[in-house]
Amino acid sequence: MTTAGFRAVVLAAGLGTRLRPLTDLAPKPLLPVAGRSLIAHTLGQLAAAGCEAAALNLHHLGGRIRGALGGAFEGMPLTYSEEETLLGTLGALGPLADFLAGAETVVVINGDSLCRWPLKQLLRQHRRTGARATLLLSAKADPEAFGGGVGLDSEGRVISFRKGDEEARRGEVERRRVFAGCHVLAPDLCREVAPEPADFVDDLYRPLLERGEVIHAAQTKRHWFDLGTPRRYLEGVRGWVAGRLRLLRRSWIAPGAEVASDAKLRRVVIESGARVEAGAEVEGCLLLPGARVAAGCRVVDSILGFDAVLPAETRVERRLVTPVRANVASGSGDSVVGGLIYTRIDPE
């Protein structure tokens, strides 16, 4: 059942540069997560929460996103905004003025975040407080890993977005939390956005704080994953599967994947169309569609990209492996061997 006036914008225009060369082949929102694309997980939850319509901004390989999703998702109409040049997180709302004109509540979600979004709870809190803006914050993620996190006062209101953010004017920071990639906005804030590059923090939230306005926060203990790097993508997929199936050591294998009976697997996520051959050992890995681990290989803590085929007896650890193709560029720290690009999961 849809909720009148609840509309959403999913930010899907990013270049995904930190995930290259994987994102040379697929835009980040279409990367698989346990049998479904990342963006499909988010759109499905929006539809289930009663969102009457959703919009996506597009840029890098945007035609593939449009082609994969079509005009609606699980009955929820979709609108697309093609950006010739990137407009930023806030600027993306400018060209969507007509779409947002009919909204009473606007949810904006980062397209590279993975979470079992507490959307109904978030919307209830936003409406109860009468807030103009409410940010979803993760109570589990480490703020130091995300630039220091968002500063909250003793009442749980946002007073700082970065350490050293002139906090003395707004009170003492009691604790810091990580922005979890989702916020709720009053429609009047959206109407103030011009169709030009702009950022939520610098061009909306910091000016609001400087004018003395209140920005509310809702905290969640649900697992939240930012999939912006190979390491975070790998850990996010493993964490998502472990949380959904309550599996710590076992593996998730999609229908349509092939695994030899004597292959040894531990904490592996294998997407449809991937294959693990006889005698192979695979631990803590993600295998994307078309990937193949040949006989006798040992692969640990790695991602095998689309159609990456490891030769027999190969040893791989902490690498993103992608095939050499005309439209795929290797980086300065990559190794190119036998038609495959080996990228460090953890850059030095």
Protein backbone atom coordinates (compact mmCIF):
# COMPACT_ATOMS: atom_id res chain seq x y z
CA MET A 1 0.00 0.00 0.00
CA THR A 2 1.46 3.35 -1.03
CA THR A 3 1.64 6.38 1.24
CA ALA A 4 0.39 9.55 -0.42
CA GLY A 5 3.09 12.18 -0.67
CA PHE A 6 6.04 9.88 0.18
CA ARG A 7 8.55 10.08 -2.66
CA ALA A 8 12.20 9.07 -2.85
CA VAL A 9 15.36 9.97 -4.73
CA VAL A 10 18.07 7.32 -5.04
CA LEU A 11 21.46 8.80 -5.90
CA ALA A 12 22.88 6.58 -8.63
CA ALA A 13 25.08 8.86 -10.75
CA GLY A 14 28.47 8.29 -9.13
CA LEU A 15 31.49 7.26 -11.15
CA GLY A 16 32.53 4.47 -8.78
CA THR A 17 36.18 5.33 -9.30
CA ARG A 18 37.38 3.55 -6.15
CA LEU A 19 35.82 0.31 -7.42
CA ARG A 20 37.50 0.37 -10.79
CA PRO A 21 38.19 -1.63 -12.87
CA LEU A 22 35.02 -3.45 -11.74
CA THR A 23 32.87 -0.38 -12.39
CA ASP A 24 34.27 -0.04 -15.90
CA LEU A 25 32.01 -3.01 -16.65
CA ALA A 26 28.96 -2.21 -14.53
CA PRO A 27 27.70 0.89 -12.69
CA LYS A 28 28.00 0.53 -8.94
CA PRO A 29 24.20 0.41 -8.29
CA LEU A 30 23.95 -2.71 -10.47
CA LEU A 31 26.66 -4.68 -8.68
CA PRO A 32 25.23 -7.97 -7.36
CA VAL A 33 24.50 -8.54 -3.69
CA ALA A 34 23.34 -12.11 -3.01
CA GLY A 35 21.30 -12.57 -6.16
CA ARG A 36 19.96 -9.05 -6.52
CA SER A 37 21.52 -5.77 -7.59
CA LEU A 38 22.45 -3.27 -4.90
CA ILE A 39 19.88 -0.76 -6.10
CA ALA A 40 17.15 -3.41 -6.30
CA HIS A 41 17.58 -4.08 -2.57
CA THR A 42 16.91 -0.40 -1.85
CA LEU A 43 14.05 0.05 -4.33
CA GLY A 44 12.33 -3.07 -3.01
CA GLN A 45 12.41 -1.70 0.51
CA LEU A 46 11.11 1.69 -0.61
CA ALA A 47 8.19 0.03 -2.37
CA ALA A 48 7.44 -2.11 0.69
CA ALA A 49 7.46 0.99 2.91
CA GLY A 50 4.76 2.64 0.81
CA CYS A 51 6.81 4.96 -1.41
CA GLU A 52 4.47 6.15 -4.16
CA ALA A 53 7.26 6.92 -6.68
CA ALA A 54 11.05 6.99 -6.84
CA ALA A 55 13.53 8.93 -8.98
CA LEU A 56 17.11 8.04 -9.86
CA ASN A 57 19.79 10.41 -11.11
CA LEU A 58 22.04 8.82 -13.72
CA HIS A 59 25.45 9.53 -15.24
CA HIS A 60 28.10 6.78 -15.44
CA LEU A 61 26.67 3.89 -17.51
CA GLY A 62 23.24 5.29 -16.71
CA GLY A 63 21.62 3.62 -19.70
CA ARG A 64 22.37 0.23 -18.17
CA ILE A 65 20.57 1.18 -14.97
CA ARG A 66 17.54 2.41 -16.89
CA GLY A 67 17.57 -0.72 -19.04
CA ALA A 68 17.78 -3.03 -16.02
CA LEU A 69 14.98 -1.37 -14.04
CA GLY A 70 12.55 -0.08 -16.66
CA GLY A 71 9.65 2.21 -15.86
CA ALA A 72 8.60 0.70 -12.54
CA PHE A 73 9.92 -1.50 -9.76
CA GLU A 74 7.51 -3.82 -7.95
CA GLY A 75 4.68 -1.53 -8.96
CA MET A 76 6.47 1.68 -7.90
CA PRO A 77 6.85 4.15 -10.82
CA LEU A 78 10.41 5.24 -11.61
CA THR A 79 11.59 8.58 -12.95
CA TYR A 80 15.10 9.14 -14.34
CA SER A 81 17.22 12.26 -14.35
CA GLU A 82 20.16 12.12 -16.79
CA GLU A 83 23.07 14.32 -15.70
CA GLU A 84 25.48 15.32 -18.45
CA THR A 85 27.82 16.60 -15.75
CA LEU A 86 27.67 15.43 -12.15
CA LEU A 87 25.54 17.73 -10.00
CA GLY A 88 26.50 16.38 -6.59
CA THR A 89 24.35 14.88 -3.86
CA LEU A 90 22.18 17.97 -3.33
CA GLY A 91 22.34 19.35 -6.86
CA ALA A 92 20.75 16.12 -8.10
CA LEU A 93 17.42 17.33 -6.68
CA GLY A 94 17.34 20.47 -8.88
CA PRO A 95 16.32 18.80 -12.18
CA LEU A 96 13.75 16.74 -10.25
CA ALA A 97 11.72 19.77 -9.15
CA ASP A 98 8.60 18.66 -11.02
CA PHE A 99 8.87 15.12 -9.60
CA LEU A 100 9.26 16.45 -6.06
CA ALA A 101 6.56 19.11 -6.37
CA GLY A 102 3.87 16.65 -5.35
CA ALA A 103 5.76 15.25 -2.37
CA GLU A 104 4.86 15.82 1.25
CA THR A 105 7.92 13.90 2.44
CA VAL A 106 11.15 13.29 0.50
CA VAL A 107 13.59 10.47 1.27
CA VAL A 108 17.05 10.66 -0.31
CA ILE A 109 19.17 7.49 -0.26
CA ASN A 110 22.72 6.92 -1.44
CA GLY A 111 22.76 4.34 -4.21
CA ASP A 112 25.99 2.75 -2.94
CA SER A 113 24.67 2.00 0.55
CA LEU A 114 23.30 -1.36 1.67
CA CYS A 115 21.01 -1.63 4.67
CA ARG A 116 17.75 -3.06 5.89
CA TRP A 117 16.51 0.48 6.00
CA PRO A 118 14.30 1.37 9.01
CA LEU A 119 12.20 3.55 6.72
CA LYS A 120 8.92 3.46 8.63
CA GLN A 121 10.65 4.27 11.91
CA LEU A 122 12.61 7.07 10.26
CA LEU A 123 9.49 8.60 8.71
CA ARG A 124 7.54 8.39 11.98
CA GLN A 125 10.27 10.21 13.87
CA HIS A 126 10.60 12.86 11.17
CA ARG A 127 6.86 13.59 11.24
CA ARG A 128 6.60 13.46 15.02
CA THR A 129 9.30 16.07 15.54
CA GLY A 130 8.17 18.30 12.69
CA ALA A 131 11.77 18.36 11.48
CA ARG A 132 12.79 19.95 8.21
CA ALA A 133 15.61 17.41 7.92
CA THR A 134 16.27 14.10 9.67
CA LEU A 135 19.47 12.10 9.08
CA LEU A 136 19.79 8.37 9.58
CA LEU A 137 22.95 7.58 11.54
CA SER A 138 24.61 4.24 12.15
CA ALA A 139 25.24 3.43 15.81
CA LYS A 140 27.52 0.53 14.81
CA ALA A 141 29.90 1.94 12.19
CA ASP A 142 33.24 3.34 13.38
CA PRO A 143 33.27 7.15 12.97
CA GLU A 144 37.06 7.21 12.61
CA ALA A 145 36.77 5.08 9.47
CA PHE A 146 34.43 7.69 7.95
CA GLY A 147 36.17 10.99 8.56
CA GLY A 148 35.15 11.39 12.19
CA GLY A 149 31.41 11.11 11.77
CA VAL A 150 28.50 13.43 12.56
CA GLY A 151 28.56 15.22 15.92
CA LEU A 152 25.46 15.09 18.14
CA ASP A 153 24.59 17.12 21.23
CA SER A 154 23.11 15.74 24.45
CA GLU A 155 19.61 15.87 22.90
CA GLY A 156 20.69 13.82 19.89
CA ARG A 157 20.54 16.75 17.47
CA VAL A 158 23.13 17.30 14.77
CA ILE A 159 25.58 20.11 15.57
CA SER A 160 28.64 19.15 13.52
CA PHE A 161 29.47 17.34 10.29
CA ARG A 162 33.22 17.30 10.62
CA LYS A 163 35.69 17.52 13.46
CA GLY A 164 36.67 21.14 14.03
CA ASP A 165 33.42 22.30 12.41
CA GLU A 166 33.06 25.40 14.63
CA GLU A 167 31.39 23.19 17.20
CA ALA A 168 31.76 25.70 20.08
CA ARG A 169 29.02 27.87 18.62
CA ARG A 170 26.48 25.06 18.69
CA GLY A 171 27.32 23.28 21.92
CA GLU A 172 29.44 20.37 23.00
CA VAL A 173 29.59 17.20 20.93
CA GLU A 174 28.44 14.34 23.15
CA ARG A 175 29.00 11.55 20.65
CA ARG A 176 29.71 10.91 17.00
CA ARG A 177 27.89 8.65 14.59
CA VAL A 178 28.33 7.76 10.92
CA PHE A 179 25.83 9.06 8.35
CA ALA A 180 24.15 5.94 7.00
CA GLY A 181 23.30 7.26 3.55
CA CYS A 182 19.63 8.14 4.07
CA HIS A 183 17.85 11.33 5.05
CA VAL A 184 14.31 12.73 5.10
CA LEU A 185 13.61 16.27 3.91
CA ALA A 186 10.71 18.66 4.09
CA PRO A 187 9.65 19.53 0.52
CA ASP A 188 10.34 23.24 1.00
CA LEU A 189 14.06 22.44 1.34
CA CYS A 190 13.96 20.69 -2.03
CA ARG A 191 12.32 23.69 -3.69
CA GLU A 192 15.32 25.83 -2.74
CA VAL A 193 17.75 23.67 -4.75
CA ALA A 194 18.98 25.12 -8.04
CA PRO A 195 19.92 22.76 -10.92
CA GLU A 196 23.64 23.26 -10.42
CA PRO A 197 26.38 21.32 -8.59
CA ALA A 198 25.82 21.31 -4.84
CA ASP A 199 26.59 19.17 -1.80
CA PHE A 200 24.23 18.39 1.08
CA VAL A 201 26.68 19.23 3.86
CA ASP A 202 28.30 22.39 2.51
CA ASP A 203 25.34 23.85 0.65
CA LEU A 204 22.35 22.87 2.80
CA TYR A 205 23.11 21.49 6.24
CA ARG A 206 25.94 23.77 7.36
CA PRO A 207 24.02 26.89 6.30
CA LEU A 208 20.97 25.60 8.22
CA LEU A 209 23.08 25.18 11.35
CA GLU A 210 24.62 28.61 10.90
CA ARG A 211 21.11 30.10 10.82
CA GLY A 212 20.35 28.37 14.10
CA GLU A 213 17.97 25.77 12.67
CA VAL A 214 17.68 22.27 14.12
CA ILE A 215 18.70 19.14 12.20
CA HIS A 216 17.39 15.95 13.76
CA ALA A 217 18.98 12.51 13.75
CA ALA A 218 17.59 8.99 13.95
CA GLN A 219 20.01 6.27 14.99
CA THR A 220 19.90 2.66 13.93
CA LYS A 221 21.70 -0.43 15.19
CA ARG A 222 20.97 -2.27 11.97
CA HIS A 223 23.98 -3.24 9.90
CA TRP A 224 24.81 -0.62 7.30
CA PHE A 225 27.40 -0.98 4.58
CA ASP A 226 28.98 1.62 2.33
CA LEU A 227 30.10 -0.35 -0.73
CA GLY A 228 32.37 2.34 -2.16
CA THR A 229 35.64 0.36 -2.25
CA PRO A 230 36.56 -3.26 -3.09
CA ARG A 231 37.15 -4.03 0.60
CA ARG A 232 33.83 -2.51 1.66
CA TYR A 233 32.00 -4.23 -1.18
CA LEU A 234 33.40 -7.62 -0.18
CA GLU A 235 32.73 -7.13 3.52
CA GLY A 236 29.30 -5.66 2.86
CA VAL A 237 28.16 -8.64 0.79
CA ARG A 238 29.53 -11.12 3.32
CA GLY A 239 27.91 -9.19 6.17
CA TRP A 240 24.57 -8.95 4.36
CA VAL A 241 24.47 -12.70 3.76
CA ALA A 242 25.58 -13.52 7.30
CA GLY A 243 22.93 -11.22 8.76
CA ARG A 244 20.14 -12.49 6.56
CA LEU A 245 20.82 -16.18 6.93
CA ARG A 246 22.60 -16.02 10.31
CA LEU A 247 25.54 -17.83 8.78
CA LEU A 248 29.03 -17.23 10.10
CA ARG A 249 31.02 -19.93 8.34
CA ARG A 250 28.79 -21.38 5.68
CA SER A 251 28.42 -20.02 2.16
CA TRP A 252 25.62 -18.60 0.04
CA ILE A 253 25.40 -20.12 -3.43
CA ALA A 254 22.95 -18.76 -5.98
CA PRO A 255 20.78 -21.00 -8.12
CA GLY A 256 22.59 -21.34 -11.41
CA ALA A 257 26.06 -21.42 -9.85
CA GLU A 258 28.14 -24.59 -10.18
CA VAL A 259 30.35 -25.99 -7.41
CA ALA A 260 32.28 -29.26 -7.64
CA SER A 261 31.46 -31.77 -4.92
CA ASP A 262 35.02 -31.81 -3.57
CA ALA A 263 35.57 -28.04 -3.63
CA LYS A 264 36.18 -26.50 -0.21
CA LEU A 265 34.20 -23.37 0.57
CA ARG A 266 34.11 -21.15 3.66
CA ARG A 267 32.19 -17.89 3.95
CA VAL A 268 31.85 -17.55 0.19
CA VAL A 269 29.14 -15.73 -1.80
CA ILE A 270 28.76 -17.18 -5.30
CA GLU A 271 26.47 -15.45 -7.78
CA SER A 272 24.53 -17.20 -10.54
CA GLY A 273 26.67 -18.23 -13.50
CA ALA A 274 29.87 -18.55 -11.47
CA ARG A 275 31.71 -21.85 -11.22
CA VAL A 276 34.13 -23.55 -8.78
CA GLU A 277 35.90 -26.63 -10.14
CA ALA A 278 37.29 -29.79 -8.54
CA GLY A 279 39.73 -29.49 -5.67
CA ALA A 280 39.54 -25.71 -5.46
CA GLU A 281 39.63 -23.94 -2.09
CA VAL A 282 37.75 -20.66 -1.78
CA GLU A 283 37.54 -18.73 1.48
CA GLY A 284 35.98 -15.35 2.30
CA CYS A 285 35.38 -14.49 -1.36
CA LEU A 286 32.76 -13.06 -3.68
CA LEU A 287 32.37 -14.59 -7.14
CA LEU A 288 30.40 -12.52 -9.65
CA PRO A 289 28.46 -13.91 -12.63
CA GLY A 290 30.70 -15.65 -15.15
CA ALA A 291 33.64 -16.00 -12.75
CA ARG A 292 35.38 -19.38 -12.74
CA VAL A 293 37.81 -20.89 -10.25
CA ALA A 294 39.62 -23.69 -12.07
CA ALA A 295 40.72 -26.98 -10.54
CA GLY A 296 43.23 -26.81 -7.72
CA CYS A 297 43.05 -23.04 -7.18
CA ARG A 298 43.23 -21.44 -3.76
CA VAL A 299 41.48 -18.08 -3.47
CA VAL A 300 41.24 -16.12 -0.20
CA ASP A 301 39.62 -12.80 0.74
CA SER A 302 39.11 -11.77 -2.88
CA ILE A 303 36.54 -10.69 -5.47
CA LEU A 304 36.42 -12.43 -8.83
CA GLY A 305 34.81 -10.01 -11.24
CA PHE A 306 32.44 -10.63 -14.13
CA ASP A 307 33.77 -13.43 -16.38
CA ALA A 308 37.15 -13.59 -14.62
CA VAL A 309 38.59 -17.08 -15.19
CA LEU A 310 41.46 -18.21 -12.97
CA PRO A 311 43.80 -20.82 -14.52
CA ALA A 312 44.25 -24.13 -12.69
CA GLU A 313 46.40 -24.10 -9.55
CA THR A 314 46.33 -20.30 -9.26
CA ARG A 315 46.88 -18.75 -5.81
CA VAL A 316 45.12 -15.45 -5.11
CA GLU A 317 44.79 -13.52 -1.85
CA ARG A 318 43.26 -10.10 -1.16
CA ARG A 319 42.74 -9.17 -4.80
CA LEU A 320 39.99 -7.93 -7.07
CA VAL A 321 40.37 -9.90 -10.30
CA THR A 322 38.89 -8.60 -13.56
CA PRO A 323 39.48 -9.66 -17.17
CA VAL A 324 41.35 -7.43 -19.58
CA ARG A 325 38.89 -5.89 -22.00
CA ALA A 326 38.88 -2.99 -24.43
CA ASN A 327 36.86 -0.76 -22.09
CA VAL A 328 38.64 -1.76 -18.87
CA ALA A 329 41.65 0.22 -17.66
CA SER A 330 44.20 -1.09 -15.18
CA GLY A 331 45.53 1.21 -12.47
CA SER A 332 49.12 2.13 -11.63
CA GLY A 333 49.32 -0.39 -8.80
CA ASP A 334 47.65 -3.27 -10.65
CA SER A 335 49.28 -6.39 -12.01
CA VAL A 336 48.24 -7.66 -15.44
CA VAL A 337 48.95 -11.37 -15.93
CA GLY A 338 47.47 -13.81 -18.43
CA GLY A 339 44.62 -11.56 -19.50
CA LEU A 340 43.59 -10.73 -15.94
CA ILE A 341 43.96 -7.54 -13.90
CA TYR A 342 44.85 -8.09 -10.24
CA THR A 343 43.95 -5.10 -8.05
CA ARG A 344 44.77 -4.98 -4.34
CA ILE A 345 41.68 -5.18 -2.15
CA ASP A 346 43.53 -3.08 0.43
CA PRO A 347 45.55 -0.36 -1.33
CA GLU A 348 48.96 0.37 0.15
